């Protein structure tokens, strides 16, 4: 939390704060200015994900935005993330990397109320599954099968000519298809949702499930 946000939340920005409050606020401001570099280093992390035995990653994020991009280095993936908000009694998120069944499991959980901005860089052809409770997910032009499960937020995918099978659905929201993509396959889901299945000219599969939010399929 920034110094300004802390002051506002705790009433330190009132017109006539008491002298102890003014001194405390002044100390916070000085610490914030002097320690800005420390704060940046504290909450920006990068973790290498070795991929020597399997070409698949399952990423689980408690809350926050996720950006998936394709790297140029074969056999190695990277997770870069910035803590945007710390929750009450939450510790700084630390990625836990383990060997799952047929994939590398990467879990980033900073505790209740925390929020991160993550960038996952993967080699070409990597199968990626992303699960998040809340936040936006942005998938660039990345080769490989994709699966997204999101509780609340929007999903944007650069579809292009990458995918053979596209299966997208949202319970409360809409599906936005770029010009050139067929919208005839869209169906209503209940009163508030949409689903769409279609085939494309590519080689990979894309499956998106959103509880509350929109899906954007871009060229």
C-alpha atoms as a PDB file:
ATOM      1  CA  UNK A   1       0.000   0.000   0.000  1.00  0.00           C
ATOM      2  CA  UNK A   2       1.344   3.446  -0.882  1.00  0.00           C
ATOM      3  CA  UNK A   3       1.962   6.117   1.755  1.00  0.00           C
ATOM      4  CA  UNK A   4      -0.890   8.224   0.405  1.00  0.00           C
ATOM      5  CA  UNK A   5      -3.311   5.291   0.425  1.00  0.00           C
ATOM      6  CA  UNK A   6      -2.298   4.443   3.996  1.00  0.00           C
ATOM      7  CA  UNK A   7      -2.860   8.002   5.137  1.00  0.00           C
ATOM      8  CA  UNK A   8      -6.276   8.230   3.520  1.00  0.00           C
ATOM      9  CA  UNK A   9      -7.381   4.882   4.891  1.00  0.00           C
ATOM     10  CA  UNK A  10      -6.295   5.743   8.428  1.00  0.00           C
ATOM     11  CA  UNK A  11      -7.715   9.237   8.447  1.00  0.00           C
ATOM     12  CA  UNK A  12      -4.385  11.031   8.291  1.00  0.00           C
ATOM     13  CA  UNK A  13      -5.542  13.351   5.505  1.00  0.00           C
ATOM     14  CA  UNK A  14      -8.103  15.172   7.649  1.00  0.00           C
ATOM     15  CA  UNK A  15      -8.042  18.967   7.763  1.00  0.00           C
ATOM     16  CA  UNK A  16      -6.722  19.237  11.336  1.00  0.00           C
ATOM     17  CA  UNK A  17      -4.912  16.079  12.399  1.00  0.00           C
ATOM     18  CA  UNK A  18      -3.429  15.934  15.857  1.00  0.00           C
ATOM     19  CA  UNK A  19       0.317  16.648  16.275  1.00  0.00           C
ATOM     20  CA  UNK A  20       1.195  12.968  16.819  1.00  0.00           C
ATOM     21  CA  UNK A  21      -0.674  12.090  13.632  1.00  0.00           C
ATOM     22  CA  UNK A  22       1.122  14.847  11.700  1.00  0.00           C
ATOM     23  CA  UNK A  23       4.486  13.575  12.927  1.00  0.00           C
ATOM     24  CA  UNK A  24       3.570  10.012  12.032  1.00  0.00           C
ATOM     25  CA  UNK A  25       2.442  11.022   8.562  1.00  0.00           C
ATOM     26  CA  UNK A  26       5.619  13.039   7.998  1.00  0.00           C
ATOM     27  CA  UNK A  27       7.706  10.037   9.002  1.00  0.00           C
ATOM     28  CA  UNK A  28       5.769   7.810   6.612  1.00  0.00           C
ATOM     29  CA  UNK A  29       6.302  10.254   3.760  1.00  0.00           C
ATOM     30  CA  UNK A  30      10.033  10.429   4.404  1.00  0.00           C
ATOM     31  CA  UNK A  31      10.295   6.669   4.602  1.00  0.00           C
ATOM     32  CA  UNK A  32       8.293   6.319   1.416  1.00  0.00           C
ATOM     33  CA  UNK A  33      10.528   8.745  -0.481  1.00  0.00           C
ATOM     34  CA  UNK A  34      13.783   7.423   0.878  1.00  0.00           C
ATOM     35  CA  UNK A  35      12.812   3.785   0.547  1.00  0.00           C
ATOM     36  CA  UNK A  36      11.092   3.762  -2.830  1.00  0.00           C
ATOM     37  CA  UNK A  37      13.893   1.735  -4.394  1.00  0.00           C
ATOM     38  CA  UNK A  38      13.759  -0.751  -1.516  1.00  0.00           C
ATOM     39  CA  UNK A  39      10.009  -1.118  -1.971  1.00  0.00           C
ATOM     40  CA  UNK A  40      10.410  -1.774  -5.688  1.00  0.00           C
ATOM     41  CA  UNK A  41      13.011  -4.463  -5.075  1.00  0.00           C
ATOM     42  CA  UNK A  42      10.918  -5.957  -2.286  1.00  0.00           C
ATOM     43  CA  UNK A  43       7.816  -6.507  -4.388  1.00  0.00           C
ATOM     44  CA  UNK A  44       9.175  -7.270  -7.839  1.00  0.00           C
ATOM     45  CA  UNK A  45      10.340 -10.805  -8.346  1.00  0.00           C
ATOM     46  CA  UNK A  46      11.459 -13.136 -11.131  1.00  0.00           C
ATOM     47  CA  UNK A  47      11.512 -16.908 -10.931  1.00  0.00           C
ATOM     48  CA  UNK A  48      13.046 -19.312 -13.441  1.00  0.00           C
ATOM     49  CA  UNK A  49      10.967 -22.388 -14.296  1.00  0.00           C
ATOM     50  CA  UNK A  50      13.091 -25.250 -15.669  1.00  0.00           C
ATOM     51  CA  UNK A  51      11.303 -27.268 -18.328  1.00  0.00           C
ATOM     52  CA  UNK A  52      13.707 -30.042 -19.188  1.00  0.00           C
ATOM     53  CA  UNK A  53      11.300 -32.967 -18.756  1.00  0.00           C
ATOM     54  CA  UNK A  54       7.880 -31.585 -19.721  1.00  0.00           C
ATOM     55  CA  UNK A  55       6.482 -28.867 -21.970  1.00  0.00           C
ATOM     56  CA  UNK A  56       3.467 -27.895 -19.876  1.00  0.00           C
ATOM     57  CA  UNK A  57       2.770 -25.391 -17.074  1.00  0.00           C
ATOM     58  CA  UNK A  58      -0.205 -25.145 -14.724  1.00  0.00           C
ATOM     59  CA  UNK A  59      -0.269 -21.646 -13.202  1.00  0.00           C
ATOM     60  CA  UNK A  60      -2.455 -20.938 -10.169  1.00  0.00           C
ATOM     61  CA  UNK A  61      -2.831 -17.322  -9.001  1.00  0.00           C
ATOM     62  CA  UNK A  62      -4.841 -16.267  -5.960  1.00  0.00           C
ATOM     63  CA  UNK A  63      -5.791 -12.876  -7.429  1.00  0.00           C
ATOM     64  CA  UNK A  64      -4.358 -10.443  -9.949  1.00  0.00           C
ATOM     65  CA  UNK A  65      -3.685  -9.918 -13.630  1.00  0.00           C
ATOM     66  CA  UNK A  66      -1.803 -12.495 -15.704  1.00  0.00           C
ATOM     67  CA  UNK A  67      -0.041 -11.856 -19.017  1.00  0.00           C
ATOM     68  CA  UNK A  68       1.127 -14.805 -21.108  1.00  0.00           C
ATOM     69  CA  UNK A  69       3.850 -14.128 -23.664  1.00  0.00           C
ATOM     70  CA  UNK A  70       6.124 -16.280 -25.797  1.00  0.00           C
ATOM     71  CA  UNK A  71       9.826 -16.230 -25.108  1.00  0.00           C
ATOM     72  CA  UNK A  72      12.764 -16.995 -27.340  1.00  0.00           C
ATOM     73  CA  UNK A  73      14.717 -19.359 -25.086  1.00  0.00           C
ATOM     74  CA  UNK A  74      13.851 -23.039 -25.508  1.00  0.00           C
ATOM     75  CA  UNK A  75      13.634 -25.231 -22.430  1.00  0.00           C
ATOM     76  CA  UNK A  76      13.172 -22.396 -19.957  1.00  0.00           C
ATOM     77  CA  UNK A  77      10.227 -20.345 -18.709  1.00  0.00           C
ATOM     78  CA  UNK A  78      10.085 -17.274 -16.493  1.00  0.00           C
ATOM     79  CA  UNK A  79       7.542 -15.873 -14.090  1.00  0.00           C
ATOM     80  CA  UNK A  80       7.850 -12.167 -13.399  1.00  0.00           C
ATOM     81  CA  UNK A  81       5.427 -10.543 -10.995  1.00  0.00           C
ATOM     82  CA  UNK A  82       4.797  -7.352  -9.071  1.00  0.00           C
ATOM     83  CA  UNK A  83       2.757  -7.134  -5.885  1.00  0.00           C
ATOM     84  CA  UNK A  84       0.043  -4.534  -6.477  1.00  0.00           C
ATOM     85  CA  UNK A  85      -1.670  -4.860  -3.108  1.00  0.00           C
ATOM     86  CA  UNK A  86      -0.931  -6.592   0.171  1.00  0.00           C
ATOM     87  CA  UNK A  87      -3.859  -8.040   2.056  1.00  0.00           C
ATOM     88  CA  UNK A  88      -4.405  -8.014   5.799  1.00  0.00           C
ATOM     89  CA  UNK A  89      -1.936 -10.332   7.511  1.00  0.00           C
ATOM     90  CA  UNK A  90      -0.719 -11.419   4.069  1.00  0.00           C
ATOM     91  CA  UNK A  91       2.872 -12.251   3.331  1.00  0.00           C
ATOM     92  CA  UNK A  92       4.637 -11.368   0.100  1.00  0.00           C
ATOM     93  CA  UNK A  93       3.692 -13.931  -2.574  1.00  0.00           C
ATOM     94  CA  UNK A  94       6.335 -16.558  -3.230  1.00  0.00           C
ATOM     95  CA  UNK A  95       5.949 -18.857  -6.250  1.00  0.00           C
ATOM     96  CA  UNK A  96       5.963 -22.550  -5.394  1.00  0.00           C
ATOM     97  CA  UNK A  97       7.204 -24.645  -8.307  1.00  0.00           C
ATOM     98  CA  UNK A  98       6.694 -28.402  -8.246  1.00  0.00           C
ATOM     99  CA  UNK A  99       6.470 -31.315 -10.637  1.00  0.00           C
ATOM    100  CA  UNK A 100       2.813 -32.175 -11.143  1.00  0.00           C
ATOM    101  CA  UNK A 101       1.179 -34.907 -13.169  1.00  0.00           C
ATOM    102  CA  UNK A 102       2.212 -34.210 -16.747  1.00  0.00           C
ATOM    103  CA  UNK A 103       2.961 -30.560 -16.040  1.00  0.00           C
ATOM    104  CA  UNK A 104       4.961 -28.160 -13.889  1.00  0.00           C
ATOM    105  CA  UNK A 105       2.759 -26.653 -11.170  1.00  0.00           C
ATOM    106  CA  UNK A 106       3.379 -22.995 -10.333  1.00  0.00           C
ATOM    107  CA  UNK A 107       1.366 -21.564  -7.430  1.00  0.00           C
ATOM    108  CA  UNK A 108       1.459 -17.880  -6.449  1.00  0.00           C
ATOM    109  CA  UNK A 109      -0.596 -17.115  -3.341  1.00  0.00           C
ATOM    110  CA  UNK A 110       0.081 -14.062  -1.212  1.00  0.00           C
ATOM    111  CA  UNK A 111      -2.732 -14.674   1.247  1.00  0.00           C
ATOM    112  CA  UNK A 112      -6.198 -13.237   1.597  1.00  0.00           C
ATOM    113  CA  UNK A 113      -6.585  -9.806  -0.010  1.00  0.00           C
ATOM    114  CA  UNK A 114      -3.280  -9.697  -1.917  1.00  0.00           C
ATOM    115  CA  UNK A 115      -3.113  -8.901  -5.635  1.00  0.00           C
ATOM    116  CA  UNK A 116      -0.298  -9.323  -8.148  1.00  0.00           C
ATOM    117  CA  UNK A 117       0.524  -8.480 -11.739  1.00  0.00           C
ATOM    118  CA  UNK A 118       2.192 -11.533 -13.270  1.00  0.00           C
ATOM    119  CA  UNK A 119       3.893 -12.175 -16.591  1.00  0.00           C
ATOM    120  CA  UNK A 120       4.521 -15.765 -17.610  1.00  0.00           C
ATOM    121  CA  UNK A 121       7.077 -16.174 -20.401  1.00  0.00           C
ATOM    122  CA  UNK A 122       7.063 -19.623 -22.002  1.00  0.00           C
ATOM    123  CA  UNK A 123       8.862 -21.352 -24.892  1.00  0.00           C
ATOM    124  CA  UNK A 124       7.011 -21.945 -28.143  1.00  0.00           C
ATOM    125  CA  UNK A 125       4.596 -24.871 -28.076  1.00  0.00           C
ATOM    126  CA  UNK A 126       4.133 -24.944 -24.293  1.00  0.00           C
ATOM    127  CA  UNK A 127       0.781 -26.148 -23.013  1.00  0.00           C
ATOM    128  CA  UNK A 128      -0.428 -23.629 -20.446  1.00  0.00           C
ATOM    129  CA  UNK A 129      -3.324 -23.833 -17.985  1.00  0.00           C
ATOM    130  CA  UNK A 130      -4.141 -20.717 -15.925  1.00  0.00           C
ATOM    131  CA  UNK A 131      -6.446 -20.707 -12.903  1.00  0.00           C
ATOM    132  CA  UNK A 132      -7.274 -17.485 -11.035  1.00  0.00           C
ATOM    133  CA  UNK A 133      -9.902 -16.346  -8.565  1.00  0.00           C
ATOM    134  CA  UNK A 134      -9.967 -12.788  -9.848  1.00  0.00           C
ATOM    135  CA  UNK A 135      -8.218 -10.466 -12.285  1.00  0.00           C
ATOM    136  CA  UNK A 136      -7.746 -10.080 -16.015  1.00  0.00           C
ATOM    137  CA  UNK A 137      -5.911 -12.628 -18.155  1.00  0.00           C
ATOM    138  CA  UNK A 138      -4.198 -11.534 -21.363  1.00  0.00           C
ATOM    139  CA  UNK A 139      -2.843 -14.235 -23.697  1.00  0.00           C
ATOM    140  CA  UNK A 140      -0.632 -13.016 -26.496  1.00  0.00           C
ATOM    141  CA  UNK A 141       0.297 -14.747 -29.731  1.00  0.00           C
ATOM    142  CA  UNK A 142       1.687 -17.851 -28.036  1.00  0.00           C
ATOM    143  CA  UNK A 143       1.786 -21.293 -29.635  1.00  0.00           C
ATOM    144  CA  UNK A 144       0.550 -24.303 -27.669  1.00  0.00           C
ATOM    145  CA  UNK A 145      -2.706 -25.497 -26.110  1.00  0.00           C
ATOM    146  CA  UNK A 146      -4.348 -23.170 -23.563  1.00  0.00           C
ATOM    147  CA  UNK A 147      -6.880 -23.622 -20.792  1.00  0.00           C
ATOM    148  CA  UNK A 148      -8.179 -20.743 -18.653  1.00  0.00           C
ATOM    149  CA  UNK A 149     -10.405 -20.968 -15.580  1.00  0.00           C
ATOM    150  CA  UNK A 150     -11.289 -17.577 -14.109  1.00  0.00           C
ATOM    151  CA  UNK A 151     -13.796 -16.765 -11.383  1.00  0.00           C
ATOM    152  CA  UNK A 152     -14.105 -13.012 -11.965  1.00  0.00           C
ATOM    153  CA  UNK A 153     -12.488 -10.846 -14.637  1.00  0.00           C
ATOM    154  CA  UNK A 154     -11.964 -10.619 -18.387  1.00  0.00           C
ATOM    155  CA  UNK A 155      -9.975 -12.895 -20.672  1.00  0.00           C
ATOM    156  CA  UNK A 156      -8.327 -11.587 -23.838  1.00  0.00           C
ATOM    157  CA  UNK A 157      -6.753 -13.973 -26.332  1.00  0.00           C
ATOM    158  CA  UNK A 158      -4.831 -13.187 -29.514  1.00  0.00           C
ATOM    159  CA  UNK A 159      -6.371 -15.971 -31.572  1.00  0.00           C
ATOM    160  CA  UNK A 160      -4.968 -15.262 -35.027  1.00  0.00           C
ATOM    161  CA  UNK A 161      -4.579 -18.533 -36.946  1.00  0.00           C
ATOM    162  CA  UNK A 162      -3.174 -20.485 -33.994  1.00  0.00           C
ATOM    163  CA  UNK A 163      -6.117 -22.611 -32.895  1.00  0.00           C
ATOM    164  CA  UNK A 164      -7.884 -25.623 -34.329  1.00  0.00           C
ATOM    165  CA  UNK A 165     -10.536 -25.831 -31.588  1.00  0.00           C
ATOM    166  CA  UNK A 166     -11.943 -22.890 -29.617  1.00  0.00           C
ATOM    167  CA  UNK A 167     -14.327 -23.517 -26.719  1.00  0.00           C
ATOM    168  CA  UNK A 168     -15.241 -20.439 -24.650  1.00  0.00           C
ATOM    169  CA  UNK A 169     -18.010 -19.798 -22.127  1.00  0.00           C
ATOM    170  CA  UNK A 170     -18.996 -17.245 -19.491  1.00  0.00           C
ATOM    171  CA  UNK A 171     -21.856 -17.611 -17.032  1.00  0.00           C
ATOM    172  CA  UNK A 172     -22.366 -13.872 -16.552  1.00  0.00           C
ATOM    173  CA  UNK A 173     -20.856 -11.863 -19.381  1.00  0.00           C
ATOM    174  CA  UNK A 174     -20.359 -11.805 -23.120  1.00  0.00           C
ATOM    175  CA  UNK A 175     -18.039 -13.182 -25.796  1.00  0.00           C
ATOM    176  CA  UNK A 176     -16.566 -10.658 -28.204  1.00  0.00           C
ATOM    177  CA  UNK A 177     -15.266 -12.075 -31.485  1.00  0.00           C
ATOM    178  CA  UNK A 178     -12.929 -10.122 -33.723  1.00  0.00           C
ATOM    179  CA  UNK A 179     -13.864  -9.428 -37.290  1.00  0.00           C
ATOM    180  CA  UNK A 180     -13.144 -12.519 -39.340  1.00  0.00           C
ATOM    181  CA  UNK A 181     -14.104 -14.943 -36.563  1.00  0.00           C
ATOM    182  CA  UNK A 182     -17.447 -16.671 -36.842  1.00  0.00           C
ATOM    183  CA  UNK A 183     -20.091 -15.528 -34.370  1.00  0.00           C
ATOM    184  CA  UNK A 184     -22.681 -18.054 -35.574  1.00  0.00           C
ATOM    185  CA  UNK A 185     -21.410 -20.613 -33.079  1.00  0.00           C
ATOM    186  CA  UNK A 186     -22.378 -18.430 -30.086  1.00  0.00           C
ATOM    187  CA  UNK A 187     -25.168 -19.614 -27.834  1.00  0.00           C
ATOM    188  CA  UNK A 188     -26.864 -18.110 -24.810  1.00  0.00           C
ATOM    189  CA  UNK A 189     -26.105 -19.624 -21.420  1.00  0.00           C
ATOM    190  CA  UNK A 190     -29.087 -19.019 -19.185  1.00  0.00           C
ATOM    191  CA  UNK A 191     -30.178 -15.386 -18.980  1.00  0.00           C
ATOM    192  CA  UNK A 192     -26.789 -13.748 -18.627  1.00  0.00           C
ATOM    193  CA  UNK A 193     -24.066 -15.850 -20.249  1.00  0.00           C
ATOM    194  CA  UNK A 194     -22.668 -16.922 -23.593  1.00  0.00           C
ATOM    195  CA  UNK A 195     -20.795 -19.885 -24.990  1.00  0.00           C
ATOM    196  CA  UNK A 196     -19.041 -20.465 -28.285  1.00  0.00           C
ATOM    197  CA  UNK A 197     -17.348 -23.377 -30.001  1.00  0.00           C
ATOM    198  CA  UNK A 198     -15.661 -23.164 -33.364  1.00  0.00           C
ATOM    199  CA  UNK A 199     -12.880 -24.620 -35.450  1.00  0.00           C
ATOM    200  CA  UNK A 200     -10.033 -22.682 -36.944  1.00  0.00           C
ATOM    201  CA  UNK A 201      -7.092 -23.241 -39.277  1.00  0.00           C
ATOM    202  CA  UNK A 202      -4.492 -23.703 -36.549  1.00  0.00           C
ATOM    203  CA  UNK A 203      -3.006 -26.639 -34.639  1.00  0.00           C
ATOM    204  CA  UNK A 204      -3.821 -25.917 -30.997  1.00  0.00           C
ATOM    205  CA  UNK A 205      -6.822 -25.969 -28.656  1.00  0.00           C
ATOM    206  CA  UNK A 206      -8.192 -23.091 -26.585  1.00  0.00           C
ATOM    207  CA  UNK A 207     -10.625 -23.611 -23.705  1.00  0.00           C
ATOM    208  CA  UNK A 208     -11.847 -20.645 -21.620  1.00  0.00           C
ATOM    209  CA  UNK A 209     -14.249 -20.770 -18.680  1.00  0.00           C
ATOM    210  CA  UNK A 210     -15.267 -17.554 -16.884  1.00  0.00           C
ATOM    211  CA  UNK A 211     -17.827 -17.290 -14.091  1.00  0.00           C
ATOM    212  CA  UNK A 212     -18.276 -13.499 -14.172  1.00  0.00           C
ATOM    213  CA  UNK A 213     -16.652 -11.488 -16.952  1.00  0.00           C
ATOM    214  CA  UNK A 214     -16.190 -11.170 -20.698  1.00  0.00           C
ATOM    215  CA  UNK A 215     -14.116 -13.120 -23.206  1.00  0.00           C
ATOM    216  CA  UNK A 216     -12.376 -11.282 -26.054  1.00  0.00           C
ATOM    217  CA  UNK A 217     -11.133 -13.308 -29.008  1.00  0.00           C
ATOM    218  CA  UNK A 218      -8.864 -10.997 -30.986  1.00  0.00           C
ATOM    219  CA  UNK A 219      -7.071 -11.484 -34.283  1.00  0.00           C
END
